[in-house]
Protein backbone atom coordinates (compact mmCIF):
# COMPACT_ATOMS: atom_id res chain seq x y z
CA MET A 1 109.74 109.67 113.24
CA LYS A 2 107.31 111.16 110.75
CA LEU A 3 106.62 108.78 107.84
CA LEU A 4 104.67 109.51 104.67
CA LEU A 5 103.12 106.26 103.46
CA HIS A 6 101.99 105.96 99.86
CA VAL A 7 98.58 104.27 100.01
CA CYS A 8 97.66 102.28 96.91
CA CYS A 9 94.27 101.07 98.20
CA GLY A 10 92.29 100.38 101.35
CA PRO A 11 93.01 96.66 101.66
CA CYS A 12 96.80 97.09 101.45
CA ALA A 13 96.66 100.06 103.82
CA SER A 14 94.62 98.08 106.37
CA GLY A 15 97.66 95.91 107.08
CA ALA A 16 100.50 98.31 106.27
CA VAL A 17 99.41 101.40 108.22
CA PRO A 18 99.14 99.73 111.65
CA TRP A 19 102.51 98.04 111.10
CA TRP A 20 104.19 101.36 110.26
CA LYS A 21 102.41 103.23 113.07
CA GLU A 22 103.86 100.77 115.56
CA ARG A 23 107.39 101.34 114.26
CA ALA A 24 107.50 104.89 112.95
CA GLY A 25 105.17 106.65 115.34
CA GLN A 26 103.61 109.35 113.21
CA VAL A 27 102.22 108.13 109.88
CA LEU A 28 100.64 110.31 107.25
CA GLY A 29 99.03 108.68 104.21
CA LEU A 30 99.22 109.80 100.59
CA PHE A 31 96.71 108.57 98.02
CA TYR A 32 98.38 109.13 94.65
CA ASN A 33 97.49 106.53 92.04
CA PRO A 34 97.16 107.90 88.50
CA ASN A 35 97.48 104.32 87.23
CA ILE A 36 94.02 103.28 88.37
CA HIS A 37 91.47 102.94 85.57
CA PRO A 38 88.63 103.47 84.94
CA LEU A 39 87.47 106.48 86.93
CA LEU A 40 84.89 104.43 88.87
CA GLU A 41 87.68 102.09 90.04
CA PHE A 42 89.78 105.12 91.04
CA ARG A 43 86.86 106.43 93.13
CA ARG A 44 86.28 103.02 94.78
CA ARG A 45 89.92 102.77 95.84
CA LEU A 46 89.95 106.35 97.06
CA VAL A 47 86.87 105.71 99.21
CA GLY A 48 88.43 102.50 100.56
CA SER A 49 91.61 104.40 101.43
CA ARG A 50 89.59 107.07 103.22
CA GLU A 51 87.71 104.43 105.20
CA VAL A 52 90.92 102.74 106.31
CA ALA A 53 92.48 106.09 107.26
CA ALA A 54 89.46 106.73 109.48
CA HIS A 55 89.67 103.23 111.02
CA VAL A 56 93.37 103.51 111.88
CA GLY A 57 93.37 107.21 112.76
CA ILE A 58 95.72 108.79 110.23
CA GLU A 59 95.44 111.83 108.01
CA LEU A 60 95.18 111.00 104.30
CA VAL A 61 96.55 113.49 101.80
CA GLU A 62 94.72 113.02 98.51
CA ASP A 63 96.05 113.78 95.06
CA LEU A 64 92.84 113.56 93.06
CA ALA A 65 94.35 114.30 89.66
CA TYR A 66 92.84 111.86 87.20
CA ASP A 67 94.37 112.05 83.74
CA PRO A 68 94.66 108.68 81.97
CA GLU A 69 96.26 110.29 78.92
CA ALA A 70 99.10 111.74 81.02
CA TRP A 71 99.59 108.41 82.82
CA PHE A 72 99.83 106.49 79.54
CA ALA A 73 102.27 109.07 78.17
CA ALA A 74 104.47 108.75 81.27
CA VAL A 75 104.30 104.99 81.70
CA GLY A 76 103.25 103.74 78.27
CA GLY A 77 103.81 100.35 76.71
CA GLY A 78 103.63 96.90 78.15
CA GLY A 79 105.97 94.48 79.81
CA ASP A 80 107.78 94.55 83.13
CA SER A 81 109.20 98.01 82.51
CA ARG A 82 105.65 99.40 82.50
CA CYS A 83 105.22 98.32 86.12
CA SER A 84 108.60 99.73 87.15
CA ARG A 85 107.80 103.07 85.50
CA CYS A 86 104.44 103.12 87.29
CA ILE A 87 105.97 102.32 90.69
CA ASP A 88 108.68 104.91 90.07
CA GLN A 89 106.10 107.58 89.21
CA ARG A 90 104.13 106.98 92.41
CA LEU A 91 107.18 106.73 94.71
CA ASP A 92 108.76 109.83 93.18
CA ARG A 93 105.59 111.81 93.91
CA THR A 94 105.55 110.37 97.45
CA ALA A 95 109.20 111.30 98.07
CA ALA A 96 108.58 114.84 96.82
CA GLU A 97 105.55 115.17 99.13
CA ALA A 98 107.51 113.73 102.06
CA ALA A 99 110.28 116.28 101.55
CA ALA A 100 107.79 119.14 101.20
CA ARG A 101 106.01 118.13 104.42
CA GLY A 102 109.20 117.72 106.45
CA CYS A 103 108.83 113.96 106.85
CA ASP A 104 111.81 111.92 107.97
CA ALA A 105 111.05 109.09 105.55
CA PHE A 106 108.54 107.58 103.15
CA SER A 107 107.34 104.11 102.21
CA THR A 108 104.48 102.41 100.37
CA SER A 109 101.64 100.03 101.10
CA LEU A 110 102.51 98.26 97.82
CA SER A 111 105.02 96.19 99.82
CA ILE A 112 102.21 94.12 101.36
CA SER A 113 101.14 92.64 98.03
CA PRO A 114 102.49 89.27 96.92
CA TRP A 115 101.90 90.34 93.29
CA GLN A 116 104.02 93.48 93.30
CA ASP A 117 107.63 93.65 92.10
CA HIS A 118 109.42 94.03 95.43
CA ALA A 119 112.87 94.48 93.86
CA GLY A 120 111.31 97.24 91.74
CA ILE A 121 109.72 98.88 94.78
CA LEU A 122 113.09 98.92 96.56
CA ALA A 123 115.02 100.25 93.54
CA CYS A 124 112.44 102.92 92.69
CA GLY A 125 112.09 103.97 96.33
CA GLU A 126 115.84 104.36 96.78
CA ALA A 127 116.12 106.36 93.53
CA ALA A 128 113.27 108.66 94.58
CA ALA A 129 114.86 109.09 98.00
CA GLU A 130 118.11 110.19 96.42
CA ARG A 131 116.36 112.63 94.07
CA HIS A 132 114.38 114.28 96.89
CA GLY A 133 116.72 113.96 99.89
CA VAL A 134 114.39 111.95 102.11
CA GLU A 135 114.91 108.40 103.38
CA PHE A 136 113.02 105.48 101.80
CA LEU A 137 112.05 102.72 104.21
CA TYR A 138 111.37 99.39 102.57
CA GLU A 139 109.91 96.49 104.46
CA ASP A 140 108.63 93.27 102.92
CA LEU A 141 105.15 93.11 104.43
CA ARG A 142 103.84 90.17 102.41
CA SER A 143 103.48 88.16 105.61
CA LEU A 144 100.71 90.62 106.59
CA TYR A 145 98.73 90.09 103.39
CA GLY A 146 96.32 87.60 105.00
CA GLU A 147 95.69 89.99 107.89
CA SER A 148 95.02 92.83 105.45
CA ARG A 149 92.45 90.67 103.66
CA ARG A 150 90.79 89.80 106.97
CA LEU A 151 90.68 93.42 108.15
CA SER A 152 89.37 94.78 104.87
CA ARG A 153 86.56 92.18 104.92
CA GLU A 154 85.80 92.93 108.57
CA TRP A 155 85.72 96.69 107.91
CA GLY A 156 83.71 96.34 104.67
CA ILE A 157 86.47 97.85 102.51
CA TYR A 158 86.20 97.41 98.75
CA ARG A 159 88.67 94.77 97.47
CA GLN A 160 89.79 95.04 93.87
CA LYS A 161 90.65 92.21 91.49
CA TYR A 162 93.61 93.76 89.63
CA CYS A 163 96.58 96.06 90.16
CA GLY A 164 94.87 99.17 88.86
CA CYS A 165 95.86 99.95 85.31
CA VAL A 166 93.78 98.91 82.36
CA VAL A 167 96.63 96.71 81.11
CA SER A 168 96.74 94.76 84.39
CA GLU A 169 92.97 94.31 84.21
CA TRP A 170 93.28 92.97 80.67
CA GLU A 171 96.13 90.65 81.74
CA ARG A 172 93.94 89.26 84.53
CA TYR A 173 91.08 88.38 82.20
CA ARG A 174 92.78 87.77 78.81
CA ASP A 175 92.84 83.97 79.07
CA ALA A 176 89.10 83.86 79.69
CA VAL A 177 88.45 86.28 76.81
CA GLU A 178 90.76 84.42 74.43
CA GLY A 179 88.85 81.23 75.22
CA LEU A 180 85.65 82.79 73.79
CA ASP A 181 86.87 82.45 70.19
């Protein structure tokens, strides 16, 4: 089976890619993350994804488009729906790429994170699969999260402190900032 795996970052990929390689056989990575802000953070995660791809021996397709204005227009606003729209945007792009490359299926490294909306990943992946005619494979890989942390430390891969978008960064630090009043 040929699987296109959306890669959100190096640490998540360090656990997810080996797991999928063992089950799917041929894995191709796709770095597509227009949600990541600022540009320096985008570059750090891209480099980490490249390093993991080299460690695990997969090709990494890179969509290097960086347009925060377009991302905000597409995803906009706050709340839970913001995250679903963001996941949907990334999985839709992955499904389209999987279909264009003749892959049998697609998935995402997001499923390793204990902080991601797993019901949203499944729903968005299935919807993207239907739109593009390629199978979505969902697997709850949260049990591999500790291993991904260990591997990324061992390999010297940059580990981020927030999901990627500027809103998630603000959410992570808002209590500390509000306490400065």
